[in-house]
PDB file of N, CA and C in Angstrom:
ATOM      1  N   MET A   1      22.689  39.219  29.469  1.00  0.00           N
ATOM      2  CA  MET A   1      23.178  38.127  28.667  1.00  0.00           C
ATOM      3  C   MET A   1      22.943  38.442  27.204  1.00  0.00           C
ATOM      4  N   LYS A   2      23.952  38.236  26.389  1.00  0.00           N
ATOM      5  CA  LYS A   2      23.910  38.554  24.976  1.00  0.00           C
ATOM      6  C   LYS A   2      23.387  37.362  24.193  1.00  0.00           C
ATOM      7  N   PRO A   3      22.434  37.524  23.245  1.00  0.00           N
ATOM      8  CA  PRO A   3      21.990  36.382  22.447  1.00  0.00           C
ATOM      9  C   PRO A   3      23.095  35.904  21.518  1.00  0.00           C
ATOM     10  N   LEU A   4      23.152  34.614  21.312  1.00  0.00           N
ATOM     11  CA  LEU A   4      24.189  34.041  20.456  1.00  0.00           C
ATOM     12  C   LEU A   4      23.929  34.349  18.988  1.00  0.00           C
ATOM     13  N   PHE A   5      22.683  34.412  18.617  1.00  0.00           N
ATOM     14  CA  PHE A   5      22.319  34.656  17.229  1.00  0.00           C
ATOM     15  C   PHE A   5      21.478  35.912  17.155  1.00  0.00           C
ATOM     16  N   LYS A   6      21.647  36.667  16.084  1.00  0.00           N
ATOM     17  CA  LYS A   6      20.771  37.811  15.864  1.00  0.00           C
ATOM     18  C   LYS A   6      19.451  37.333  15.263  1.00  0.00           C
ATOM     19  N   PHE A   7      19.506  36.211  14.617  1.00  0.00           N
ATOM     20  CA  PHE A   7      18.328  35.630  13.967  1.00  0.00           C
ATOM     21  C   PHE A   7      17.634  34.734  14.985  1.00  0.00           C
ATOM     22  N   PRO A   8      16.349  34.951  15.274  1.00  0.00           N
ATOM     23  CA  PRO A   8      15.689  34.125  16.295  1.00  0.00           C
ATOM     24  C   PRO A   8      15.665  32.642  15.901  1.00  0.00           C
ATOM     25  N   LEU A   9      15.732  31.813  16.903  1.00  0.00           N
ATOM     26  CA  LEU A   9      15.773  30.375  16.687  1.00  0.00           C
ATOM     27  C   LEU A   9      14.491  29.862  16.059  1.00  0.00           C
ATOM     28  N   TRP A  10      13.351  30.394  16.452  1.00  0.00           N
ATOM     29  CA  TRP A  10      12.081  29.945  15.885  1.00  0.00           C
ATOM     30  C   TRP A  10      11.984  30.275  14.405  1.00  0.00           C
ATOM     31  N   ALA A  11      12.575  31.389  13.991  1.00  0.00           N
ATOM     32  CA  ALA A  11      12.556  31.753  12.571  1.00  0.00           C
ATOM     33  C   ALA A  11      13.408  30.767  11.773  1.00  0.00           C
ATOM     34  N   ALA A  12      14.539  30.377  12.327  1.00  0.00           N
ATOM     35  CA  ALA A  12      15.394  29.397  11.660  1.00  0.00           C
ATOM     36  C   ALA A  12      14.676  28.060  11.537  1.00  0.00           C
ATOM     37  N   ALA A  13      13.933  27.699  12.579  1.00  0.00           N
ATOM     38  CA  ALA A  13      13.185  26.442  12.534  1.00  0.00           C
ATOM     39  C   ALA A  13      12.103  26.492  11.460  1.00  0.00           C
ATOM     40  N   CYS A  14      11.454  27.628  11.337  1.00  0.00           N
ATOM     41  CA  CYS A  14      10.416  27.775  10.308  1.00  0.00           C
ATOM     42  C   CYS A  14      11.008  27.695   8.906  1.00  0.00           C
ATOM     43  N   VAL A  15      12.147  28.336   8.707  1.00  0.00           N
ATOM     44  CA  VAL A  15      12.796  28.282   7.396  1.00  0.00           C
ATOM     45  C   VAL A  15      13.217  26.846   7.081  1.00  0.00           C
ATOM     46  N   GLY A  16      13.784  26.154   8.060  1.00  0.00           N
ATOM     47  CA  GLY A  16      14.199  24.765   7.855  1.00  0.00           C
ATOM     48  C   GLY A  16      13.020  23.860   7.542  1.00  0.00           C
ATOM     49  N   ALA A  17      11.918  24.076   8.246  1.00  0.00           N
ATOM     50  CA  ALA A  17      10.726  23.267   7.988  1.00  0.00           C
ATOM     51  C   ALA A  17      10.177  23.548   6.597  1.00  0.00           C
ATOM     52  N   GLY A  18      10.187  24.799   6.195  1.00  0.00           N
ATOM     53  CA  GLY A  18       9.701  25.155   4.857  1.00  0.00           C
ATOM     54  C   GLY A  18      10.541  24.521   3.767  1.00  0.00           C
ATOM     55  N   LEU A  19      11.845  24.518   3.938  1.00  0.00           N
ATOM     56  CA  LEU A  19      12.720  23.897   2.940  1.00  0.00           C
ATOM     57  C   LEU A  19      12.503  22.388   2.873  1.00  0.00           C
ATOM     58  N   SER A  20      12.324  21.751   4.024  1.00  0.00           N
ATOM     59  CA  SER A  20      12.120  20.303   4.011  1.00  0.00           C
ATOM     60  C   SER A  20      10.764  19.955   3.407  1.00  0.00           C
ATOM     61  N   TRP A  21       9.736  20.778   3.650  1.00  0.00           N
ATOM     62  CA  TRP A  21       8.416  20.512   3.061  1.00  0.00           C
ATOM     63  C   TRP A  21       8.451  20.674   1.556  1.00  0.00           C
ATOM     64  N   SER A  22       9.190  21.673   1.068  1.00  0.00           N
ATOM     65  CA  SER A  22       9.255  21.856  -0.385  1.00  0.00           C
ATOM     66  C   SER A  22      10.008  20.694  -1.037  1.00  0.00           C
ATOM     67  N   ALA A  23      11.053  20.202  -0.372  1.00  0.00           N
ATOM     68  CA  ALA A  23      11.787  19.049  -0.907  1.00  0.00           C
ATOM     69  C   ALA A  23      10.900  17.812  -0.914  1.00  0.00           C
ATOM     70  N   ALA A  24      10.111  17.641   0.138  1.00  0.00           N
ATOM     71  CA  ALA A  24       9.199  16.496   0.197  1.00  0.00           C
ATOM     72  C   ALA A  24       8.121  16.613  -0.864  1.00  0.00           C
ATOM     73  N   ALA A  25       7.635  17.826  -1.112  1.00  0.00           N
ATOM     74  CA  ALA A  25       6.604  18.024  -2.130  1.00  0.00           C
ATOM     75  C   ALA A  25       7.155  17.726  -3.523  1.00  0.00           C
ATOM     76  N   GLN A  26       8.404  18.105  -3.780  1.00  0.00           N
ATOM     77  CA  GLN A  26       8.997  17.810  -5.080  1.00  0.00           C
ATOM     78  C   GLN A  26       9.179  16.316  -5.263  1.00  0.00           C
ATOM     79  N   THR A  27       9.593  15.625  -4.220  1.00  0.00           N
ATOM     80  CA  THR A  27       9.749  14.182  -4.292  1.00  0.00           C
ATOM     81  C   THR A  27       8.399  13.520  -4.530  1.00  0.00           C
ATOM     82  N   THR A  28       7.378  13.993  -3.827  1.00  0.00           N
ATOM     83  CA  THR A  28       6.050  13.424  -3.976  1.00  0.00           C
ATOM     84  C   THR A  28       5.516  13.650  -5.385  1.00  0.00           C
ATOM     85  N   SER A  29       5.732  14.848  -5.940  1.00  0.00           N
ATOM     86  CA  SER A  29       5.216  15.116  -7.280  1.00  0.00           C
ATOM     87  C   SER A  29       5.940  14.267  -8.322  1.00  0.00           C
ATOM     88  N   SER A  30       7.243  14.036  -8.144  1.00  0.00           N
ATOM     89  CA  SER A  30       7.949  13.195  -9.108  1.00  0.00           C
ATOM     90  C   SER A  30       7.497  11.740  -8.986  1.00  0.00           C
ATOM     91  N   GLU A  31       7.222  11.296  -7.744  1.00  0.00           N
ATOM     92  CA  GLU A  31       6.695   9.941  -7.560  1.00  0.00           C
ATOM     93  C   GLU A  31       5.315   9.818  -8.192  1.00  0.00           C
ATOM     94  N   CYS A  32       4.533  10.873  -8.055  1.00  0.00           N
ATOM     95  CA  CYS A  32       3.188  10.878  -8.631  1.00  0.00           C
ATOM     96  C   CYS A  32       3.267  10.830 -10.162  1.00  0.00           C
ATOM     97  N   GLU A  33       4.142  11.635 -10.733  1.00  0.00           N
ATOM     98  CA  GLU A  33       4.299  11.637 -12.195  1.00  0.00           C
ATOM     99  C   GLU A  33       4.775  10.272 -12.692  1.00  0.00           C
ATOM    100  N   GLN A  34       5.712   9.658 -11.975  1.00  0.00           N
ATOM    101  CA  GLN A  34       6.218   8.344 -12.364  1.00  0.00           C
ATOM    102  C   GLN A  34       5.116   7.295 -12.277  1.00  0.00           C
ATOM    103  N   ALA A  35       4.291   7.374 -11.234  1.00  0.00           N
ATOM    104  CA  ALA A  35       3.188   6.420 -11.083  1.00  0.00           C
ATOM    105  C   ALA A  35       2.188   6.572 -12.224  1.00  0.00           C
ATOM    106  N   TRP A  36       1.874   7.826 -12.603  1.00  0.00           N
ATOM    107  CA  TRP A  36       0.949   8.040 -13.728  1.00  0.00           C
ATOM    108  C   TRP A  36       1.553   7.530 -15.038  1.00  0.00           C
ATOM    109  N   THR A  37       2.855   7.730 -15.224  1.00  0.00           N
ATOM    110  CA  THR A  37       3.516   7.243 -16.434  1.00  0.00           C
ATOM    111  C   THR A  37       3.415   5.724 -16.517  1.00  0.00           C
ATOM    112  N   ASN A  38       3.701   5.045 -15.416  1.00  0.00           N
ATOM    113  CA  ASN A  38       3.600   3.578 -15.394  1.00  0.00           C
ATOM    114  C   ASN A  38       2.169   3.116 -15.638  1.00  0.00           C
ATOM    115  N   TYR A  39       1.198   3.819 -15.048  1.00  0.00           N
ATOM    116  CA  TYR A  39      -0.217   3.472 -15.214  1.00  0.00           C
ATOM    117  C   TYR A  39      -0.645   3.613 -16.671  1.00  0.00           C
ATOM    118  N   ASN A  40      -0.238   4.716 -17.309  1.00  0.00           N
ATOM    119  CA  ASN A  40      -0.617   4.935 -18.711  1.00  0.00           C
ATOM    120  C   ASN A  40       0.059   3.932 -19.643  1.00  0.00           C
ATOM    121  N   GLU A  41       1.313   3.581 -19.355  1.00  0.00           N
ATOM    122  CA  GLU A  41       1.986   2.539 -20.147  1.00  0.00           C
ATOM    123  C   GLU A  41       1.270   1.199 -20.009  1.00  0.00           C
ATOM    124  N   PHE A  42       0.860   0.885 -18.793  1.00  0.00           N
ATOM    125  CA  PHE A  42       0.133  -0.355 -18.546  1.00  0.00           C
ATOM    126  C   PHE A  42      -1.161  -0.381 -19.348  1.00  0.00           C
ATOM    127  N   LYS A  43      -1.866   0.741 -19.368  1.00  0.00           N
ATOM    128  CA  LYS A  43      -3.123   0.810 -20.114  1.00  0.00           C
ATOM    129  C   LYS A  43      -2.890   0.628 -21.618  1.00  0.00           C
ATOM    130  N   GLN A  44      -1.770   1.141 -22.124  1.00  0.00           N
ATOM    131  CA  GLN A  44      -1.483   1.012 -23.555  1.00  0.00           C
ATOM    132  C   GLN A  44      -1.157  -0.430 -23.930  1.00  0.00           C
ATOM    133  N   HIS A  45      -0.505  -1.158 -23.050  1.00  0.00           N
ATOM    134  CA  HIS A  45      -0.024  -2.499 -23.380  1.00  0.00           C
ATOM    135  C   HIS A  45      -0.972  -3.627 -22.985  1.00  0.00           C
ATOM    136  N   ASN A  46      -2.051  -3.308 -22.287  1.00  0.00           N
ATOM    137  CA  ASN A  46      -2.976  -4.342 -21.835  1.00  0.00           C
ATOM    138  C   ASN A  46      -4.397  -3.992 -22.251  1.00  0.00           C
ATOM    139  N   VAL A  47      -5.181  -5.017 -22.469  1.00  0.00           N
ATOM    140  CA  VAL A  47      -6.570  -4.821 -22.868  1.00  0.00           C
ATOM    141  C   VAL A  47      -7.453  -5.435 -21.792  1.00  0.00           C
ATOM    142  N   MET A  48      -8.285  -4.601 -21.210  1.00  0.00           N
ATOM    143  CA  MET A  48      -9.268  -5.051 -20.230  1.00  0.00           C
ATOM    144  C   MET A  48     -10.395  -4.035 -20.191  1.00  0.00           C
ATOM    145  N   GLU A  49     -11.421  -4.347 -19.456  1.00  0.00           N
ATOM    146  CA  GLU A  49     -12.542  -3.427 -19.331  1.00  0.00           C
ATOM    147  C   GLU A  49     -12.029  -2.122 -18.709  1.00  0.00           C
ATOM    148  N   PRO A  50     -12.376  -0.968 -19.285  1.00  0.00           N
ATOM    149  CA  PRO A  50     -11.810   0.305 -18.807  1.00  0.00           C
ATOM    150  C   PRO A  50     -12.006   0.572 -17.310  1.00  0.00           C
ATOM    151  N   SER A  51     -13.099   0.123 -16.755  1.00  0.00           N
ATOM    152  CA  SER A  51     -13.331   0.392 -15.330  1.00  0.00           C
ATOM    153  C   SER A  51     -12.410  -0.440 -14.435  1.00  0.00           C
ATOM    154  N   GLN A  52     -11.764  -1.457 -14.975  1.00  0.00           N
ATOM    155  CA  GLN A  52     -10.932  -2.340 -14.171  1.00  0.00           C
ATOM    156  C   GLN A  52      -9.482  -1.870 -14.051  1.00  0.00           C
ATOM    157  N   TYR A  53      -9.046  -0.920 -14.874  1.00  0.00           N
ATOM    158  CA  TYR A  53      -7.664  -0.453 -14.801  1.00  0.00           C
ATOM    159  C   TYR A  53      -7.341   0.145 -13.433  1.00  0.00           C
ATOM    160  N   ALA A  54      -8.295   0.823 -12.827  1.00  0.00           N
ATOM    161  CA  ALA A  54      -8.048   1.467 -11.531  1.00  0.00           C
ATOM    162  C   ALA A  54      -7.806   0.447 -10.422  1.00  0.00           C
ATOM    163  N   PHE A  55      -8.264  -0.780 -10.601  1.00  0.00           N
ATOM    164  CA  PHE A  55      -8.128  -1.801  -9.565  1.00  0.00           C
ATOM    165  C   PHE A  55      -6.812  -2.573  -9.668  1.00  0.00           C
ATOM    166  N   THR A  56      -5.958  -2.239 -10.625  1.00  0.00           N
ATOM    167  CA  THR A  56      -4.691  -2.954 -10.795  1.00  0.00           C
ATOM    168  C   THR A  56      -3.640  -2.420  -9.824  1.00  0.00           C
ATOM    169  N   VAL A  57      -2.497  -3.069  -9.809  1.00  0.00           N
ATOM    170  CA  VAL A  57      -1.390  -2.629  -8.955  1.00  0.00           C
ATOM    171  C   VAL A  57      -0.925  -1.243  -9.368  1.00  0.00           C
ATOM    172  N   HIS A  58      -0.963  -0.957 -10.653  1.00  0.00           N
ATOM    173  CA  HIS A  58      -0.538   0.351 -11.143  1.00  0.00           C
ATOM    174  C   HIS A  58      -1.505   1.433 -10.675  1.00  0.00           C
ATOM    175  N   GLY A  59      -2.788   1.121 -10.649  1.00  0.00           N
ATOM    176  CA  GLY A  59      -3.770   2.064 -10.124  1.00  0.00           C
ATOM    177  C   GLY A  59      -3.563   2.314  -8.642  1.00  0.00           C
ATOM    178  N   ALA A  60      -3.235   1.267  -7.899  1.00  0.00           N
ATOM    179  CA  ALA A  60      -2.963   1.422  -6.471  1.00  0.00           C
ATOM    180  C   ALA A  60      -1.721   2.276  -6.245  1.00  0.00           C
ATOM    181  N   ALA A  61      -0.724   2.142  -7.110  1.00  0.00           N
ATOM    182  CA  ALA A  61       0.488   2.954  -6.987  1.00  0.00           C
ATOM    183  C   ALA A  61       0.175   4.430  -7.226  1.00  0.00           C
ATOM    184  N   VAL A  62      -0.721   4.711  -8.175  1.00  0.00           N
ATOM    185  CA  VAL A  62      -1.124   6.100  -8.432  1.00  0.00           C
ATOM    186  C   VAL A  62      -1.823   6.664  -7.204  1.00  0.00           C
ATOM    187  N   ARG A  63      -2.728   5.898  -6.607  1.00  0.00           N
ATOM    188  CA  ARG A  63      -3.435   6.388  -5.426  1.00  0.00           C
ATOM    189  C   ARG A  63      -2.486   6.581  -4.247  1.00  0.00           C
ATOM    190  N   ALA A  64      -1.496   5.716  -4.122  1.00  0.00           N
ATOM    191  CA  ALA A  64      -0.541   5.841  -3.014  1.00  0.00           C
ATOM    192  C   ALA A  64       0.348   7.070  -3.179  1.00  0.00           C
ATOM    193  N   ALA A  65       0.745   7.364  -4.412  1.00  0.00           N
ATOM    194  CA  ALA A  65       1.663   8.474  -4.642  1.00  0.00           C
ATOM    195  C   ALA A  65       0.942   9.820  -4.758  1.00  0.00           C
ATOM    196  N   CYS A  66      -0.260   9.824  -5.320  1.00  0.00           N
ATOM    197  CA  CYS A  66      -0.941  11.092  -5.624  1.00  0.00           C
ATOM    198  C   CYS A  66      -2.146  11.370  -4.738  1.00  0.00           C
ATOM    199  N   GLY A  67      -2.566  10.438  -3.939  1.00  0.00           N
ATOM    200  CA  GLY A  67      -3.723  10.642  -3.081  1.00  0.00           C
ATOM    201  C   GLY A  67      -4.911   9.819  -3.566  1.00  0.00           C
ATOM    202  N   GLN A  68      -5.854   9.606  -2.681  1.00  0.00           N
ATOM    203  CA  GLN A  68      -7.003   8.755  -2.993  1.00  0.00           C
ATOM    204  C   GLN A  68      -7.886   9.334  -4.082  1.00  0.00           C
ATOM    205  N   ASP A  69      -7.903  10.661  -4.216  1.00  0.00           N
ATOM    206  CA  ASP A  69      -8.774  11.286  -5.215  1.00  0.00           C
ATOM    207  C   ASP A  69      -8.181  11.263  -6.621  1.00  0.00           C
ATOM    208  N   ALA A  70      -6.928  10.868  -6.765  1.00  0.00           N
ATOM    209  CA  ALA A  70      -6.288  10.851  -8.083  1.00  0.00           C
ATOM    210  C   ALA A  70      -6.950   9.838  -9.008  1.00  0.00           C
ATOM    211  N   LEU A  71      -7.327   8.706  -8.482  1.00  0.00           N
ATOM    212  CA  LEU A  71      -7.936   7.635  -9.268  1.00  0.00           C
ATOM    213  C   LEU A  71      -8.991   6.982  -8.375  1.00  0.00           C
ATOM    214  N   PRO A  72     -10.220   7.524  -8.378  1.00  0.00           N
ATOM    215  CA  PRO A  72     -11.212   7.054  -7.408  1.00  0.00           C
ATOM    216  C   PRO A  72     -11.662   5.616  -7.638  1.00  0.00           C
ATOM    217  N   VAL A  73     -11.779   4.904  -6.551  1.00  0.00           N
ATOM    218  CA  VAL A  73     -12.306   3.533  -6.528  1.00  0.00           C
ATOM    219  C   VAL A  73     -13.156   3.404  -5.269  1.00  0.00           C
ATOM    220  N   PRO A  74     -13.994   2.381  -5.182  1.00  0.00           N
ATOM    221  CA  PRO A  74     -14.785   2.199  -3.968  1.00  0.00           C
ATOM    222  C   PRO A  74     -13.889   2.005  -2.747  1.00  0.00           C
ATOM    223  N   PRO A  75     -14.348   2.465  -1.577  1.00  0.00           N
ATOM    224  CA  PRO A  75     -13.534   2.300  -0.369  1.00  0.00           C
ATOM    225  C   PRO A  75     -13.251   0.832  -0.068  1.00  0.00           C
ATOM    226  N   GLY A  76     -12.040   0.573   0.369  1.00  0.00           N
ATOM    227  CA  GLY A  76     -11.653  -0.784   0.738  1.00  0.00           C
ATOM    228  C   GLY A  76     -11.125  -1.619  -0.408  1.00  0.00           C
ATOM    229  N   SER A  77     -11.079  -1.065  -1.610  1.00  0.00           N
ATOM    230  CA  SER A  77     -10.609  -1.866  -2.743  1.00  0.00           C
ATOM    231  C   SER A  77      -9.095  -2.083  -2.700  1.00  0.00           C
ATOM    232  N   ASP A  78      -8.369  -1.233  -1.976  1.00  0.00           N
ATOM    233  CA  ASP A  78      -6.919  -1.413  -1.865  1.00  0.00           C
ATOM    234  C   ASP A  78      -6.542  -2.338  -0.715  1.00  0.00           C
ATOM    235  N   THR A  79      -7.497  -2.716   0.097  1.00  0.00           N
ATOM    236  CA  THR A  79      -7.219  -3.598   1.220  1.00  0.00           C
ATOM    237  C   THR A  79      -7.324  -5.043   0.753  1.00  0.00           C
ATOM    238  N   PRO A  80      -6.251  -5.808   0.878  1.00  0.00           N
ATOM    239  CA  PRO A  80      -6.320  -7.197   0.435  1.00  0.00           C
ATOM    240  C   PRO A  80      -7.254  -8.005   1.335  1.00  0.00           C
ATOM    241  N   PRO A  81      -7.881  -9.029   0.794  1.00  0.00           N
ATOM    242  CA  PRO A  81      -8.762  -9.840   1.628  1.00  0.00           C
ATOM    243  C   PRO A  81      -7.961 -10.602   2.683  1.00  0.00           C
ATOM    244  N   LEU A  82      -8.618 -10.899   3.780  1.00  0.00           N
ATOM    245  CA  LEU A  82      -7.956 -11.652   4.838  1.00  0.00           C
ATOM    246  C   LEU A  82      -7.662 -13.068   4.349  1.00  0.00           C
ATOM    247  N   PRO A  83      -6.567 -13.640   4.774  1.00  0.00           N
ATOM    248  CA  PRO A  83      -6.248 -15.004   4.336  1.00  0.00           C
ATOM    249  C   PRO A  83      -7.227 -16.006   4.940  1.00  0.00           C
ATOM    250  N   ILE A  84      -7.474 -17.059   4.207  1.00  0.00           N
ATOM    251  CA  ILE A  84      -8.343 -18.120   4.694  1.00  0.00           C
ATOM    252  C   ILE A  84      -7.463 -19.137   5.407  1.00  0.00           C
ATOM    253  N   ILE A  85      -7.714 -19.296   6.681  1.00  0.00           N
ATOM    254  CA  ILE A  85      -6.922 -20.235   7.470  1.00  0.00           C
ATOM    255  C   ILE A  85      -7.829 -21.398   7.830  1.00  0.00           C
ATOM    256  N   ARG A  86      -7.435 -22.545   7.411  1.00  0.00           N
ATOM    257  CA  ARG A  86      -8.241 -23.741   7.677  1.00  0.00           C
ATOM    258  C   ARG A  86      -7.549 -24.591   8.726  1.00  0.00           C
ATOM    259  N   LYS A  87      -8.363 -25.166   9.593  1.00  0.00           N
ATOM    260  CA  LYS A  87      -7.808 -26.061  10.599  1.00  0.00           C
ATOM    261  C   LYS A  87      -7.426 -27.367   9.926  1.00  0.00           C
ATOM    262  N   ARG A  88      -6.343 -27.913  10.362  1.00  0.00           N
ATOM    263  CA  ARG A  88      -5.924 -29.199   9.808  1.00  0.00           C
ATOM    264  C   ARG A  88      -6.875 -30.279  10.290  1.00  0.00           C
ATOM    265  N   VAL A  89      -7.216 -31.131   9.389  1.00  0.00           N
ATOM    266  CA  VAL A  89      -8.094 -32.247   9.730  1.00  0.00           C
ATOM    267  C   VAL A  89      -7.218 -33.378  10.247  1.00  0.00           C
ATOM    268  N   LYS A  90      -7.579 -33.869  11.424  1.00  0.00           N
ATOM    269  CA  LYS A  90      -6.811 -34.979  11.984  1.00  0.00           C
ATOM    270  C   LYS A  90      -7.116 -36.239  11.186  1.00  0.00           C
ATOM    271  N   PRO A  91      -6.101 -37.003  10.880  1.00  0.00           N
ATOM    272  CA  PRO A  91      -6.366 -38.256  10.174  1.00  0.00           C
ATOM    273  C   PRO A  91      -7.117 -39.209  11.102  1.00  0.00           C
ATOM    274  N   PRO A  92      -7.938 -40.034  10.527  1.00  0.00           N
ATOM    275  CA  PRO A  92      -8.674 -40.971  11.397  1.00  0.00           C
ATOM    276  C   PRO A  92      -7.697 -41.905  12.111  1.00  0.00           C
ATOM    277  N   GLU A  93      -8.081 -42.268  13.326  1.00  0.00           N
ATOM    278  CA  GLU A  93      -7.222 -43.161  14.098  1.00  0.00           C
ATOM    279  C   GLU A  93      -7.209 -44.541  13.441  1.00  0.00           C
ATOM    280  N   LYS A  94      -6.077 -45.182  13.542  1.00  0.00           N
ATOM    281  CA  LYS A  94      -5.977 -46.524  12.974  1.00  0.00           C
ATOM    282  C   LYS A  94      -6.855 -47.465  13.786  1.00  0.00           C
ATOM    283  N   GLN A  95      -7.483 -48.353  13.092  1.00  0.00           N
ATOM    284  CA  GLN A  95      -8.345 -49.294  13.791  1.00  0.00           C
ATOM    285  C   GLN A  95      -7.485 -50.298  14.559  1.00  0.00           C
ATOM    286  N   LYS A  96      -7.945 -50.542  15.747  1.00  0.00           N
ATOM    287  CA  LYS A  96      -7.235 -51.540  16.558  1.00  0.00           C
ATOM    288  C   LYS A  96      -7.642 -52.919  16.060  1.00  0.00           C
ATOM    289  N   PRO A  97      -6.726 -53.854  16.111  1.00  0.00           N
ATOM    290  CA  PRO A  97      -7.103 -55.208  15.668  1.00  0.00           C
ATOM    291  C   PRO A  97      -8.212 -55.761  16.591  1.00  0.00           C
ATOM    292  N   PRO A  98      -9.085 -56.563  16.030  1.00  0.00           N
ATOM    293  CA  PRO A  98     -10.162 -57.103  16.879  1.00  0.00           C
ATOM    294  C   PRO A  98      -9.594 -58.009  17.968  1.00  0.00           C
ATOM    295  N   LYS A  99     -10.325 -58.042  19.073  1.00  0.00           N
ATOM    296  CA  LYS A  99      -9.905 -58.903  20.188  1.00  0.00           C
ATOM    297  C   LYS A  99     -10.087 -60.373  19.762  1.00  0.00           C
ATOM    298  N   PRO A 100      -9.250 -61.216  20.242  1.00  0.00           N
ATOM    299  CA  PRO A 100      -9.421 -62.629  19.881  1.00  0.00           C
ATOM    300  C   PRO A 100     -10.731 -63.151  20.449  1.00  0.00           C
ATOM    301  N   TYR A 101     -11.283 -64.054  19.716  1.00  0.00           N
ATOM    302  CA  TYR A 101     -12.568 -64.646  20.105  1.00  0.00           C
ATOM    303  C   TYR A 101     -12.346 -65.615  21.263  1.00  0.00           C
ATOM    304  N   THR A 102     -13.109 -65.421  22.292  1.00  0.00           N
ATOM    305  CA  THR A 102     -13.026 -66.332  23.446  1.00  0.00           C
ATOM    306  C   THR A 102     -14.381 -67.046  23.599  1.00  0.00           C
ATOM    307  N   PRO A 103     -14.384 -68.400  23.519  1.00  0.00           N
ATOM    308  CA  PRO A 103     -15.664 -69.117  23.654  1.00  0.00           C
ATOM    309  C   PRO A 103     -16.172 -69.200  25.056  1.00  0.00           C
TER     310      PRO A 103
END
């Protein structure tokens, strides 16, 4: 039986995977650069304690695009707190009219 391709199929798969990884890496680096640009613009236009900039939405975007080590913060700071769910309080029952007085 004659092979259909002279080029092995596994080699083609490796080349295809390499091309897709490089495209993904370029997309990731551009997203990372854009996130840093937005973060730096935010820092220029806002005044707050310097240690608090990393905890903003822009800081979270940098960590999401560039990795957790890009802008270090304590673990769990990107996790929003759980919502507070309160049980509804039942309204008090209406008082029944008093029974008529029987002598």
